[in-house]
Amino acid sequence: MRILIPSIQVPFISGGSILMTQGLKNALIKAGHEVEVVTIPFKFSPHSYIEDLIEFWKKQDFNNFNGFHIDMVIVLQFPAYYVQHKNKVLWLMHQHRSVYELYNEEKALEEDKQLKELIVKSDTQELALIKSRFSMCQNVSNRLMKYNNISSIPLYHPPFREEKFYCEESYDFIFCPSRLEELKRQDLLIQAMQYTKTNVVAIIAGTGGQKENYEKQIKSLKLVDKVKLIGHISDEEKETFYARSLGVFFAPFDEDYGYITLEAMLSSKPLITCIDSGGPLEFVINDETGFILEPNPKEIAEKIDYLYQNKQKAKEMGIKALKHYKSKNISWNNVVNKILGSK
């Protein structure tokens, strides 16, 4: 088949959305199909830009291009999922979160309310027209049902370089790789480290808008020897840090999916997350493959110390985590078979 994947990209920002889109393309090509990703730049403001982009995508007819018949379109994200095609499949990455679960009624301006009304109405109308609907996880499916009363089937996919993750004997550190952004909540780990009673260290990898703020927190709490911000690292370095860690900390607020959870499992490491972290809760079995805690630094500190003081137990939890990952049939073959088999 000849398949198109309409997409958006925020220039100079890379993340899970690009990996998911490229992973799908590669898997479809491997399965013998012709595939192209059609990308349009995106920015979060002003609202008029988003409104114009909504109308742009709604007017795009992807059935034919210069004599080439397009057999299928697979849509992943707002607002590219408004594109027109007679054979369209939804595999939902996420909607425009700022008008859904991240919307703040008290702080919203009139223009924010108008944008929310437009997007919710458009999503409800347009996504309901798609007969084959999947999402990348249960958390995303739950949101789609909650806000738009539209059902979808969760369909998990593996992280980038899935086969490269491995496990070695642990060193005395907790690993936390992610963009340094407010929603990722690395500050919970930083604050927790002031309450640890062992010699464990926290290593935080990544770049982002909270870097300066986190540096100030670390200094003010006198944690320069306990918390290390190491910035951007290569894939190979990331895999080594996973392999040698005592455990992994990943406690974002209401994460869509969370590759870090899967990467920790593939590295046979227990994961510390929180009850409001969203996607990771679909994979962590509390007290067996990791810990699901209140977003409370003192509670987090206790479990970090527990992993340090009970390294054999931490190792056993990590082994269970890898086994649990393998039980879920997370593969690109499964994704392709389900999406193409839906037609």
C-alpha atoms as a PDB file:
ATOM      1  CA  MET A   1       0.000   0.000   0.000  1.00  0.00           C
ATOM      2  CA  ARG A   2       0.921   3.645  -0.421  1.00  0.00           C
ATOM      3  CA  ILE A   3       0.545   5.265   3.013  1.00  0.00           C
ATOM      4  CA  LEU A   4       0.887   8.865   4.235  1.00  0.00           C
ATOM      5  CA  ILE A   5       1.443   9.987   7.826  1.00  0.00           C
ATOM      6  CA  PRO A   6       0.523  13.679   8.262  1.00  0.00           C
ATOM      7  CA  SER A   7       2.516  15.264  11.057  1.00  0.00           C
ATOM      8  CA  ILE A   8       3.602  18.462  12.772  1.00  0.00           C
ATOM      9  CA  GLN A   9       6.928  19.518  14.236  1.00  0.00           C
ATOM     10  CA  VAL A  10       8.025  22.340  16.488  1.00  0.00           C
ATOM     11  CA  PRO A  11      11.350  23.499  14.961  1.00  0.00           C
ATOM     12  CA  PHE A  12      14.448  22.796  17.074  1.00  0.00           C
ATOM     13  CA  ILE A  13      12.504  20.628  19.538  1.00  0.00           C
ATOM     14  CA  SER A  14      12.819  16.857  19.345  1.00  0.00           C
ATOM     15  CA  GLY A  15      11.012  14.338  21.469  1.00  0.00           C
ATOM     16  CA  GLY A  16       8.782  11.316  21.641  1.00  0.00           C
ATOM     17  CA  SER A  17       6.420  12.464  18.907  1.00  0.00           C
ATOM     18  CA  ILE A  18       9.189  12.398  16.301  1.00  0.00           C
ATOM     19  CA  LEU A  19      10.400   8.986  17.478  1.00  0.00           C
ATOM     20  CA  MET A  20       6.893   7.547  17.350  1.00  0.00           C
ATOM     21  CA  THR A  21       6.221   8.928  13.871  1.00  0.00           C
ATOM     22  CA  GLN A  22       9.556   7.775  12.470  1.00  0.00           C
ATOM     23  CA  GLY A  23       9.214   4.399  14.172  1.00  0.00           C
ATOM     24  CA  LEU A  24       5.833   3.860  12.540  1.00  0.00           C
ATOM     25  CA  LYS A  25       7.181   4.849   9.145  1.00  0.00           C
ATOM     26  CA  ASN A  26      10.134   2.475   9.445  1.00  0.00           C
ATOM     27  CA  ALA A  27       7.920  -0.399  10.587  1.00  0.00           C
ATOM     28  CA  LEU A  28       5.517   0.086   7.678  1.00  0.00           C
ATOM     29  CA  ILE A  29       8.369   0.223   5.172  1.00  0.00           C
ATOM     30  CA  LYS A  30       9.824  -2.952   6.684  1.00  0.00           C
ATOM     31  CA  ALA A  31       6.418  -4.561   6.157  1.00  0.00           C
ATOM     32  CA  GLY A  32       6.667  -3.759   2.454  1.00  0.00           C
ATOM     33  CA  HIS A  33       4.683  -0.539   2.086  1.00  0.00           C
ATOM     34  CA  GLU A  34       5.487   2.826   0.492  1.00  0.00           C
ATOM     35  CA  VAL A  35       5.371   5.463   3.234  1.00  0.00           C
ATOM     36  CA  GLU A  36       5.922   9.198   3.492  1.00  0.00           C
ATOM     37  CA  VAL A  37       5.606  11.570   6.441  1.00  0.00           C
ATOM     38  CA  VAL A  38       4.103  14.950   5.495  1.00  0.00           C
ATOM     39  CA  THR A  39       5.164  17.553   8.057  1.00  0.00           C
ATOM     40  CA  ILE A  40       4.001  21.110   8.770  1.00  0.00           C
ATOM     41  CA  PRO A  41       5.684  23.365  11.394  1.00  0.00           C
ATOM     42  CA  PHE A  42       3.755  24.076  14.585  1.00  0.00           C
ATOM     43  CA  LYS A  43       3.926  26.693  17.325  1.00  0.00           C
ATOM     44  CA  PHE A  44       1.813  27.142  20.433  1.00  0.00           C
ATOM     45  CA  SER A  45       1.063  30.840  20.014  1.00  0.00           C
ATOM     46  CA  PRO A  46      -0.573  33.047  19.001  1.00  0.00           C
ATOM     47  CA  HIS A  47      -4.002  31.426  19.076  1.00  0.00           C
ATOM     48  CA  SER A  48      -4.704  32.772  15.594  1.00  0.00           C
ATOM     49  CA  TYR A  49      -1.872  30.613  14.218  1.00  0.00           C
ATOM     50  CA  ILE A  50      -3.420  27.474  15.742  1.00  0.00           C
ATOM     51  CA  GLU A  51      -6.863  28.430  14.440  1.00  0.00           C
ATOM     52  CA  ASP A  52      -5.454  28.925  10.934  1.00  0.00           C
ATOM     53  CA  LEU A  53      -3.647  25.591  11.141  1.00  0.00           C
ATOM     54  CA  ILE A  54      -6.859  23.811  12.106  1.00  0.00           C
ATOM     55  CA  GLU A  55      -8.574  25.174   9.007  1.00  0.00           C
ATOM     56  CA  PHE A  56      -5.541  24.352   6.862  1.00  0.00           C
ATOM     57  CA  TRP A  57      -5.549  20.679   7.833  1.00  0.00           C
ATOM     58  CA  LYS A  58      -9.330  20.357   7.460  1.00  0.00           C
ATOM     59  CA  LYS A  59      -9.003  21.495   3.837  1.00  0.00           C
ATOM     60  CA  GLN A  60      -6.254  19.018   2.931  1.00  0.00           C
ATOM     61  CA  ASP A  61      -7.417  16.144   0.712  1.00  0.00           C
ATOM     62  CA  PHE A  62      -4.864  13.332   0.872  1.00  0.00           C
ATOM     63  CA  ASN A  63      -6.679  10.880  -1.398  1.00  0.00           C
ATOM     64  CA  ASN A  64      -4.516  11.667  -4.434  1.00  0.00           C
ATOM     65  CA  PHE A  65      -1.274  13.527  -5.128  1.00  0.00           C
ATOM     66  CA  ASN A  66      -0.228  14.286  -8.721  1.00  0.00           C
ATOM     67  CA  GLY A  67      -1.674  11.085 -10.053  1.00  0.00           C
ATOM     68  CA  PHE A  68      -0.569   8.937  -7.092  1.00  0.00           C
ATOM     69  CA  HIS A  69      -3.460   7.236  -5.319  1.00  0.00           C
ATOM     70  CA  ILE A  70      -2.998   7.152  -1.532  1.00  0.00           C
ATOM     71  CA  ASP A  71      -4.363   3.923  -0.066  1.00  0.00           C
ATOM     72  CA  MET A  72      -4.313   4.892   3.600  1.00  0.00           C
ATOM     73  CA  VAL A  73      -3.615   7.802   5.909  1.00  0.00           C
ATOM     74  CA  ILE A  74      -2.554   7.171   9.520  1.00  0.00           C
ATOM     75  CA  VAL A  75      -3.080  10.204  11.750  1.00  0.00           C
ATOM     76  CA  LEU A  76      -1.359  10.619  15.104  1.00  0.00           C
ATOM     77  CA  GLN A  77      -1.700  14.141  16.475  1.00  0.00           C
ATOM     78  CA  PHE A  78      -3.460  17.491  16.590  1.00  0.00           C
ATOM     79  CA  PRO A  79      -4.194  19.179  14.238  1.00  0.00           C
ATOM     80  CA  ALA A  80      -2.860  16.872  11.500  1.00  0.00           C
ATOM     81  CA  TYR A  81      -5.598  14.357  12.298  1.00  0.00           C
ATOM     82  CA  TYR A  82      -8.139  16.670  10.606  1.00  0.00           C
ATOM     83  CA  VAL A  83      -6.784  15.796   7.148  1.00  0.00           C
ATOM     84  CA  GLN A  84      -9.348  14.388   4.732  1.00  0.00           C
ATOM     85  CA  HIS A  85      -9.085  10.826   3.404  1.00  0.00           C
ATOM     86  CA  LYS A  86     -11.586   8.049   2.751  1.00  0.00           C
ATOM     87  CA  ASN A  87      -9.391   5.439   4.457  1.00  0.00           C
ATOM     88  CA  LYS A  88      -8.102   7.136   7.604  1.00  0.00           C
ATOM     89  CA  VAL A  89      -6.867   5.356  10.745  1.00  0.00           C
ATOM     90  CA  LEU A  90      -6.304   7.130  14.060  1.00  0.00           C
ATOM     91  CA  TRP A  91      -3.409   6.096  16.304  1.00  0.00           C
ATOM     92  CA  LEU A  92      -3.640   8.928  18.787  1.00  0.00           C
ATOM     93  CA  MET A  93      -0.472  10.291  20.306  1.00  0.00           C
ATOM     94  CA  HIS A  94      -2.223  13.110  22.147  1.00  0.00           C
ATOM     95  CA  GLN A  95      -4.578  15.996  21.621  1.00  0.00           C
ATOM     96  CA  HIS A  96      -3.860  19.683  22.257  1.00  0.00           C
ATOM     97  CA  ARG A  97      -3.261  19.216  25.978  1.00  0.00           C
ATOM     98  CA  SER A  98      -3.515  22.908  26.920  1.00  0.00           C
ATOM     99  CA  VAL A  99      -7.273  22.875  26.236  1.00  0.00           C
ATOM    100  CA  TYR A 100      -7.856  19.514  27.891  1.00  0.00           C
ATOM    101  CA  GLU A 101      -6.166  18.086  30.978  1.00  0.00           C
ATOM    102  CA  LEU A 102      -3.776  21.053  31.321  1.00  0.00           C
ATOM    103  CA  TYR A 103      -6.472  23.699  30.922  1.00  0.00           C
ATOM    104  CA  ASN A 104      -6.732  26.093  33.880  1.00  0.00           C
ATOM    105  CA  GLU A 105     -10.209  27.610  34.092  1.00  0.00           C
ATOM    106  CA  GLU A 106      -9.198  30.193  36.677  1.00  0.00           C
ATOM    107  CA  LYS A 107      -6.307  31.586  34.628  1.00  0.00           C
ATOM    108  CA  ALA A 108      -7.952  31.290  31.218  1.00  0.00           C
ATOM    109  CA  LEU A 109      -8.523  34.465  29.192  1.00  0.00           C
ATOM    110  CA  GLU A 110     -11.506  34.861  26.880  1.00  0.00           C
ATOM    111  CA  GLU A 111      -9.358  33.962  23.880  1.00  0.00           C
ATOM    112  CA  ASP A 112      -8.248  30.792  25.684  1.00  0.00           C
ATOM    113  CA  LYS A 113     -11.874  29.807  26.252  1.00  0.00           C
ATOM    114  CA  GLN A 114     -12.684  30.400  22.581  1.00  0.00           C
ATOM    115  CA  LEU A 115      -9.755  28.279  21.447  1.00  0.00           C
ATOM    116  CA  LYS A 116     -10.774  25.490  23.815  1.00  0.00           C
ATOM    117  CA  GLU A 117     -14.334  25.552  22.488  1.00  0.00           C
ATOM    118  CA  LEU A 118     -13.117  25.420  18.880  1.00  0.00           C
ATOM    119  CA  ILE A 119     -10.708  22.533  19.434  1.00  0.00           C
ATOM    120  CA  VAL A 120     -13.012  20.401  21.578  1.00  0.00           C
ATOM    121  CA  LYS A 121     -15.817  20.823  19.059  1.00  0.00           C
ATOM    122  CA  SER A 122     -13.515  20.051  16.113  1.00  0.00           C
ATOM    123  CA  ASP A 123     -11.993  17.019  17.817  1.00  0.00           C
ATOM    124  CA  THR A 124     -15.352  15.603  18.803  1.00  0.00           C
ATOM    125  CA  GLN A 125     -16.764  15.995  15.311  1.00  0.00           C
ATOM    126  CA  GLU A 126     -13.753  14.953  13.264  1.00  0.00           C
ATOM    127  CA  LEU A 127     -12.364  12.089  15.354  1.00  0.00           C
ATOM    128  CA  ALA A 128     -15.787  10.476  15.693  1.00  0.00           C
ATOM    129  CA  LEU A 129     -15.872  10.152  11.886  1.00  0.00           C
ATOM    130  CA  ILE A 130     -12.795   7.911  11.910  1.00  0.00           C
ATOM    131  CA  LYS A 131     -13.977   4.303  12.137  1.00  0.00           C
ATOM    132  CA  SER A 132     -10.659   2.706  13.124  1.00  0.00           C
ATOM    133  CA  ARG A 133      -9.381   4.360  16.289  1.00  0.00           C
ATOM    134  CA  PHE A 134      -6.336   3.433  18.342  1.00  0.00           C
ATOM    135  CA  SER A 135      -4.293   5.328  20.918  1.00  0.00           C
ATOM    136  CA  MET A 136      -0.727   4.872  22.072  1.00  0.00           C
ATOM    137  CA  CYS A 137      -1.808   3.987  25.628  1.00  0.00           C
ATOM    138  CA  GLN A 138      -4.753   3.612  27.987  1.00  0.00           C
ATOM    139  CA  ASN A 139      -4.177   7.057  29.489  1.00  0.00           C
ATOM    140  CA  VAL A 140      -4.684   8.726  26.111  1.00  0.00           C
ATOM    141  CA  SER A 141      -7.766   6.568  25.454  1.00  0.00           C
ATOM    142  CA  ASN A 142      -9.182   7.588  28.829  1.00  0.00           C
ATOM    143  CA  ARG A 143      -8.789  11.281  27.986  1.00  0.00           C
ATOM    144  CA  LEU A 144     -10.445  10.874  24.588  1.00  0.00           C
ATOM    145  CA  MET A 145     -13.419   9.193  26.229  1.00  0.00           C
ATOM    146  CA  LYS A 146     -13.571  11.678  29.121  1.00  0.00           C
ATOM    147  CA  TYR A 147     -13.464  14.862  27.064  1.00  0.00           C
ATOM    148  CA  ASN A 148     -14.957  13.782  23.718  1.00  0.00           C
ATOM    149  CA  ASN A 149     -16.929  10.613  24.518  1.00  0.00           C
ATOM    150  CA  ILE A 150     -15.004   8.754  21.800  1.00  0.00           C
ATOM    151  CA  SER A 151     -13.651   5.228  22.255  1.00  0.00           C
ATOM    152  CA  SER A 152     -10.247   3.972  21.103  1.00  0.00           C
ATOM    153  CA  ILE A 153      -8.076   0.896  21.562  1.00  0.00           C
ATOM    154  CA  PRO A 154      -4.693   1.268  23.323  1.00  0.00           C
ATOM    155  CA  LEU A 155      -1.804   0.020  21.180  1.00  0.00           C
ATOM    156  CA  TYR A 156       1.665   0.062  22.736  1.00  0.00           C
ATOM    157  CA  HIS A 157       4.875   0.529  20.768  1.00  0.00           C
ATOM    158  CA  PRO A 158       8.518   0.030  21.827  1.00  0.00           C
ATOM    159  CA  PRO A 159      10.977   2.833  22.543  1.00  0.00           C
ATOM    160  CA  PHE A 160      13.716   3.863  20.125  1.00  0.00           C
ATOM    161  CA  ARG A 161      16.682   1.440  20.095  1.00  0.00           C
ATOM    162  CA  GLU A 162      14.704  -1.109  22.095  1.00  0.00           C
ATOM    163  CA  GLU A 163      17.274  -3.830  21.407  1.00  0.00           C
ATOM    164  CA  LYS A 164      20.166  -1.749  22.800  1.00  0.00           C
ATOM    165  CA  PHE A 165      19.086  -1.636  26.448  1.00  0.00           C
ATOM    166  CA  TYR A 166      20.854  -3.968  28.861  1.00  0.00           C
ATOM    167  CA  CYS A 167      21.631  -4.444  32.547  1.00  0.00           C
ATOM    168  CA  GLU A 168      24.872  -4.474  34.538  1.00  0.00           C
ATOM    169  CA  GLU A 169      25.692  -4.543  38.229  1.00  0.00           C
ATOM    170  CA  SER A 170      24.430  -1.311  39.732  1.00  0.00           C
ATOM    171  CA  TYR A 171      26.345   1.664  41.033  1.00  0.00           C
ATOM    172  CA  ASP A 172      25.027   3.897  43.789  1.00  0.00           C
ATOM    173  CA  PHE A 173      22.883   6.296  41.798  1.00  0.00           C
ATOM    174  CA  ILE A 174      19.303   6.878  40.699  1.00  0.00           C
ATOM    175  CA  PHE A 175      18.970   7.807  37.035  1.00  0.00           C
ATOM    176  CA  CYS A 176      16.498  10.376  35.721  1.00  0.00           C
ATOM    177  CA  PRO A 177      16.632  11.131  31.973  1.00  0.00           C
ATOM    178  CA  SER A 178      14.082  13.562  30.509  1.00  0.00           C
ATOM    179  CA  ARG A 179      13.620  17.073  29.176  1.00  0.00           C
ATOM    180  CA  LEU A 180      14.038  19.599  31.972  1.00  0.00           C
ATOM    181  CA  GLU A 181      10.490  20.912  31.925  1.00  0.00           C
ATOM    182  CA  GLU A 182       7.994  21.690  34.667  1.00  0.00           C
ATOM    183  CA  LEU A 183       5.637  18.832  33.782  1.00  0.00           C
ATOM    184  CA  LYS A 184       8.485  16.302  34.052  1.00  0.00           C
ATOM    185  CA  ARG A 185       8.928  17.269  37.738  1.00  0.00           C
ATOM    186  CA  GLN A 186      12.616  16.571  38.254  1.00  0.00           C
ATOM    187  CA  ASP A 187      12.247  18.994  41.163  1.00  0.00           C
ATOM    188  CA  LEU A 188      10.558  16.191  43.138  1.00  0.00           C
ATOM    189  CA  LEU A 189      13.754  14.163  42.873  1.00  0.00           C
ATOM    190  CA  ILE A 190      15.942  17.144  43.735  1.00  0.00           C
ATOM    191  CA  GLN A 191      13.873  17.892  46.819  1.00  0.00           C
ATOM    192  CA  ALA A 192      13.809  14.221  47.802  1.00  0.00           C
ATOM    193  CA  MET A 193      17.595  14.013  47.829  1.00  0.00           C
ATOM    194  CA  GLN A 194      17.819  16.350  50.801  1.00  0.00           C
ATOM    195  CA  TYR A 195      15.977  13.708  52.854  1.00  0.00           C
ATOM    196  CA  THR A 196      17.982  10.647  51.833  1.00  0.00           C
ATOM    197  CA  LYS A 197      20.093   9.087  54.575  1.00  0.00           C
ATOM    198  CA  THR A 198      22.375   6.976  52.403  1.00  0.00           C
ATOM    199  CA  ASN A 199      25.216   7.812  50.037  1.00  0.00           C
ATOM    200  CA  VAL A 200      23.029   7.469  46.961  1.00  0.00           C
ATOM    201  CA  VAL A 201      23.373  10.115  44.225  1.00  0.00           C
ATOM    202  CA  ALA A 202      20.814  11.351  41.677  1.00  0.00           C
ATOM    203  CA  ILE A 203      21.957  11.777  38.073  1.00  0.00           C
ATOM    204  CA  ILE A 204      19.604  13.898  35.958  1.00  0.00           C
ATOM    205  CA  ALA A 205      20.185  13.904  32.200  1.00  0.00           C
ATOM    206  CA  GLY A 206      18.594  16.217  29.664  1.00  0.00           C
ATOM    207  CA  THR A 207      18.198  19.830  28.659  1.00  0.00           C
ATOM    208  CA  GLY A 208      15.275  22.237  28.788  1.00  0.00           C
ATOM    209  CA  GLY A 209      13.677  25.349  30.182  1.00  0.00           C
ATOM    210  CA  GLN A 210      14.020  24.410  33.867  1.00  0.00           C
ATOM    211  CA  LYS A 211      17.803  23.959  33.818  1.00  0.00           C
ATOM    212  CA  GLU A 212      18.624  27.253  35.530  1.00  0.00           C
ATOM    213  CA  ASN A 213      15.860  26.807  38.080  1.00  0.00           C
ATOM    214  CA  TYR A 214      17.055  23.306  38.968  1.00  0.00           C
ATOM    215  CA  GLU A 215      20.646  24.504  39.301  1.00  0.00           C
ATOM    216  CA  LYS A 216      19.477  27.128  41.799  1.00  0.00           C
ATOM    217  CA  GLN A 217      17.495  24.550  43.769  1.00  0.00           C
ATOM    218  CA  ILE A 218      20.462  22.223  43.990  1.00  0.00           C
ATOM    219  CA  LYS A 219      22.706  25.009  45.266  1.00  0.00           C
ATOM    220  CA  SER A 220      20.167  26.408  47.735  1.00  0.00           C
ATOM    221  CA  LEU A 221      19.556  22.950  49.196  1.00  0.00           C
ATOM    222  CA  LYS A 222      23.320  22.289  49.332  1.00  0.00           C
ATOM    223  CA  LEU A 223      23.008  19.193  47.165  1.00  0.00           C
ATOM    224  CA  VAL A 224      25.853  19.779  44.725  1.00  0.00           C
ATOM    225  CA  ASP A 225      27.426  16.464  45.788  1.00  0.00           C
ATOM    226  CA  LYS A 226      24.114  14.577  45.779  1.00  0.00           C
ATOM    227  CA  VAL A 227      22.435  15.738  42.565  1.00  0.00           C
ATOM    228  CA  LYS A 228      24.205  15.953  39.209  1.00  0.00           C
ATOM    229  CA  LEU A 229      22.748  17.698  36.166  1.00  0.00           C
ATOM    230  CA  ILE A 230      24.738  16.234  33.287  1.00  0.00           C
ATOM    231  CA  GLY A 231      22.925  17.820  30.337  1.00  0.00           C
ATOM    232  CA  HIS A 232      22.555  16.178  26.954  1.00  0.00           C
ATOM    233  CA  ILE A 233      23.943  12.666  26.579  1.00  0.00           C
ATOM    234  CA  SER A 234      24.187  10.291  23.622  1.00  0.00           C
ATOM    235  CA  ASP A 235      21.970   7.253  23.224  1.00  0.00           C
ATOM    236  CA  GLU A 236      24.894   5.008  24.099  1.00  0.00           C
ATOM    237  CA  GLU A 237      25.629   6.981  27.265  1.00  0.00           C
ATOM    238  CA  LYS A 238      21.962   6.895  28.250  1.00  0.00           C
ATOM    239  CA  GLU A 239      21.847   3.133  27.867  1.00  0.00           C
ATOM    240  CA  THR A 240      24.946   2.777  30.046  1.00  0.00           C
ATOM    241  CA  PHE A 241      23.504   4.994  32.771  1.00  0.00           C
ATOM    242  CA  TYR A 242      20.338   2.883  32.769  1.00  0.00           C
ATOM    243  CA  ALA A 243      22.373  -0.329  32.924  1.00  0.00           C
ATOM    244  CA  ARG A 244      24.417   0.813  35.918  1.00  0.00           C
ATOM    245  CA  SER A 245      21.688   2.569  37.933  1.00  0.00           C
ATOM    246  CA  LEU A 246      20.129   1.341  41.171  1.00  0.00           C
ATOM    247  CA  GLY A 247      16.776   2.388  39.791  1.00  0.00           C
ATOM    248  CA  VAL A 248      15.069   5.011  37.665  1.00  0.00           C
ATOM    249  CA  PHE A 249      13.025   8.020  38.725  1.00  0.00           C
ATOM    250  CA  PHE A 250      10.276   9.163  36.364  1.00  0.00           C
ATOM    251  CA  ALA A 251       7.349  10.983  37.950  1.00  0.00           C
ATOM    252  CA  PRO A 252       5.929  13.487  35.452  1.00  0.00           C
ATOM    253  CA  PHE A 253       2.464  14.948  35.789  1.00  0.00           C
ATOM    254  CA  ASP A 254      -0.074  12.989  33.742  1.00  0.00           C
ATOM    255  CA  GLU A 255       2.362  11.726  31.108  1.00  0.00           C
ATOM    256  CA  ASP A 256       0.850  10.458  27.858  1.00  0.00           C
ATOM    257  CA  TYR A 257       2.967   7.303  27.539  1.00  0.00           C
ATOM    258  CA  GLY A 258       6.513   7.688  28.800  1.00  0.00           C
ATOM    259  CA  TYR A 259       9.381   5.977  26.965  1.00  0.00           C
ATOM    260  CA  ILE A 260      11.475   6.261  30.120  1.00  0.00           C
ATOM    261  CA  THR A 261       9.246   3.739  31.872  1.00  0.00           C
ATOM    262  CA  LEU A 262       9.777   1.222  29.083  1.00  0.00           C
ATOM    263  CA  GLU A 263      13.504   1.941  28.881  1.00  0.00           C
ATOM    264  CA  ALA A 264      13.858   1.271  32.600  1.00  0.00           C
ATOM    265  CA  MET A 265      12.009  -2.037  32.217  1.00  0.00           C
ATOM    266  CA  LEU A 266      14.178  -3.052  29.266  1.00  0.00           C
ATOM    267  CA  SER A 267      17.223  -2.256  31.424  1.00  0.00           C
ATOM    268  CA  SER A 268      15.870  -4.476  34.236  1.00  0.00           C
ATOM    269  CA  LYS A 269      15.606  -1.569  36.659  1.00  0.00           C
ATOM    270  CA  PRO A 270      12.844  -0.699  39.160  1.00  0.00           C
ATOM    271  CA  LEU A 271      11.019   2.570  38.495  1.00  0.00           C
ATOM    272  CA  ILE A 272       9.903   5.172  41.038  1.00  0.00           C
ATOM    273  CA  THR A 273       6.835   7.081  39.852  1.00  0.00           C
ATOM    274  CA  CYS A 274       3.813   8.858  41.343  1.00  0.00           C
ATOM    275  CA  ILE A 275       0.074   8.264  41.554  1.00  0.00           C
ATOM    276  CA  ASP A 276      -0.677  11.195  39.223  1.00  0.00           C
ATOM    277  CA  SER A 277       1.979  10.376  36.604  1.00  0.00           C
ATOM    278  CA  GLY A 278      -0.389   8.939  34.001  1.00  0.00           C
ATOM    279  CA  GLY A 279       1.204   6.602  31.450  1.00  0.00           C
ATOM    280  CA  PRO A 280       3.832   4.976  33.734  1.00  0.00           C
ATOM    281  CA  LEU A 281       1.030   3.618  35.925  1.00  0.00           C
ATOM    282  CA  GLU A 282       0.044   1.247  33.111  1.00  0.00           C
ATOM    283  CA  PHE A 283       3.355  -0.574  33.466  1.00  0.00           C
ATOM    284  CA  VAL A 284       4.604  -0.328  37.058  1.00  0.00           C
ATOM    285  CA  ILE A 285       3.385  -2.936  39.544  1.00  0.00           C
ATOM    286  CA  ASN A 286       3.711  -1.299  42.945  1.00  0.00           C
ATOM    287  CA  ASP A 287       6.245  -2.967  45.255  1.00  0.00           C
ATOM    288  CA  GLU A 288       7.020  -5.581  42.586  1.00  0.00           C
ATOM    289  CA  THR A 289       8.569  -3.796  39.590  1.00  0.00           C
ATOM    290  CA  GLY A 290       8.837  -0.364  41.179  1.00  0.00           C
ATOM    291  CA  PHE A 291       7.065   2.077  43.457  1.00  0.00           C
ATOM    292  CA  ILE A 292       3.962   4.211  42.888  1.00  0.00           C
ATOM    293  CA  LEU A 293       4.054   7.029  45.433  1.00  0.00           C
ATOM    294  CA  GLU A 294       2.429  10.279  46.400  1.00  0.00           C
ATOM    295  CA  PRO A 295       4.324  13.206  44.830  1.00  0.00           C
ATOM    296  CA  ASN A 296       5.977  13.749  48.209  1.00  0.00           C
ATOM    297  CA  PRO A 297       9.774  14.223  48.414  1.00  0.00           C
ATOM    298  CA  LYS A 298      10.052  12.467  51.779  1.00  0.00           C
ATOM    299  CA  GLU A 299       8.231   9.366  50.536  1.00  0.00           C
ATOM    300  CA  ILE A 300      10.401   9.344  47.433  1.00  0.00           C
ATOM    301  CA  ALA A 301      13.546   9.650  49.568  1.00  0.00           C
ATOM    302  CA  GLU A 302      12.500   6.620  51.641  1.00  0.00           C
ATOM    303  CA  LYS A 303      12.196   4.425  48.557  1.00  0.00           C
ATOM    304  CA  ILE A 304      15.486   5.678  47.125  1.00  0.00           C
ATOM    305  CA  ASP A 305      17.184   4.701  50.385  1.00  0.00           C
ATOM    306  CA  TYR A 306      15.354   1.377  50.302  1.00  0.00           C
ATOM    307  CA  LEU A 307      16.839   0.533  46.898  1.00  0.00           C
ATOM    308  CA  TYR A 308      20.295   1.500  48.157  1.00  0.00           C
ATOM    309  CA  GLN A 309      19.963  -0.604  51.316  1.00  0.00           C
ATOM    310  CA  ASN A 310      18.347  -3.570  49.556  1.00  0.00           C
ATOM    311  CA  LYS A 311      20.293  -3.988  46.344  1.00  0.00           C
ATOM    312  CA  GLN A 312      19.403  -7.646  45.857  1.00  0.00           C
ATOM    313  CA  LYS A 313      15.723  -6.749  46.171  1.00  0.00           C
ATOM    314  CA  ALA A 314      16.218  -3.899  43.679  1.00  0.00           C
ATOM    315  CA  LYS A 315      17.802  -6.382  41.273  1.00  0.00           C
ATOM    316  CA  GLU A 316      14.880  -8.792  41.661  1.00  0.00           C
ATOM    317  CA  MET A 317      12.394  -5.983  41.026  1.00  0.00           C
ATOM    318  CA  GLY A 318      14.253  -5.079  37.849  1.00  0.00           C
ATOM    319  CA  ILE A 319      14.144  -8.661  36.596  1.00  0.00           C
ATOM    320  CA  LYS A 320      10.387  -8.713  37.192  1.00  0.00           C
ATOM    321  CA  ALA A 321      10.065  -5.410  35.319  1.00  0.00           C
ATOM    322  CA  LEU A 322      11.730  -6.856  32.204  1.00  0.00           C
ATOM    323  CA  LYS A 323       9.542  -9.953  32.402  1.00  0.00           C
ATOM    324  CA  HIS A 324       6.462  -7.745  32.696  1.00  0.00           C
ATOM    325  CA  TYR A 325       7.518  -5.754  29.618  1.00  0.00           C
ATOM    326  CA  LYS A 326       7.900  -8.931  27.581  1.00  0.00           C
ATOM    327  CA  SER A 327       4.435 -10.111  28.631  1.00  0.00           C
ATOM    328  CA  LYS A 328       2.747  -7.118  26.983  1.00  0.00           C
ATOM    329  CA  ASN A 329       3.617  -7.921  23.346  1.00  0.00           C
ATOM    330  CA  ILE A 330       5.084  -4.464  22.758  1.00  0.00           C
ATOM    331  CA  SER A 331       6.407  -4.541  19.205  1.00  0.00           C
ATOM    332  CA  TRP A 332       6.239  -2.668  15.918  1.00  0.00           C
ATOM    333  CA  ASN A 333       5.015  -5.837  14.210  1.00  0.00           C
ATOM    334  CA  ASN A 334       1.997  -5.844  16.487  1.00  0.00           C
ATOM    335  CA  VAL A 335       1.358  -2.142  15.823  1.00  0.00           C
ATOM    336  CA  VAL A 336       1.480  -2.610  12.045  1.00  0.00           C
ATOM    337  CA  ASN A 337      -0.684  -5.735  12.127  1.00  0.00           C
ATOM    338  CA  LYS A 338      -3.346  -4.080  14.274  1.00  0.00           C
ATOM    339  CA  ILE A 339      -3.476  -0.828  12.295  1.00  0.00           C
ATOM    340  CA  LEU A 340      -3.500  -2.474   8.873  1.00  0.00           C
ATOM    341  CA  GLY A 341      -5.735  -5.292  10.058  1.00  0.00           C
ATOM    342  CA  SER A 342      -8.339  -2.788  11.169  1.00  0.00           C
ATOM    343  CA  LYS A 343      -9.216  -2.259   7.495  1.00  0.00           C
END
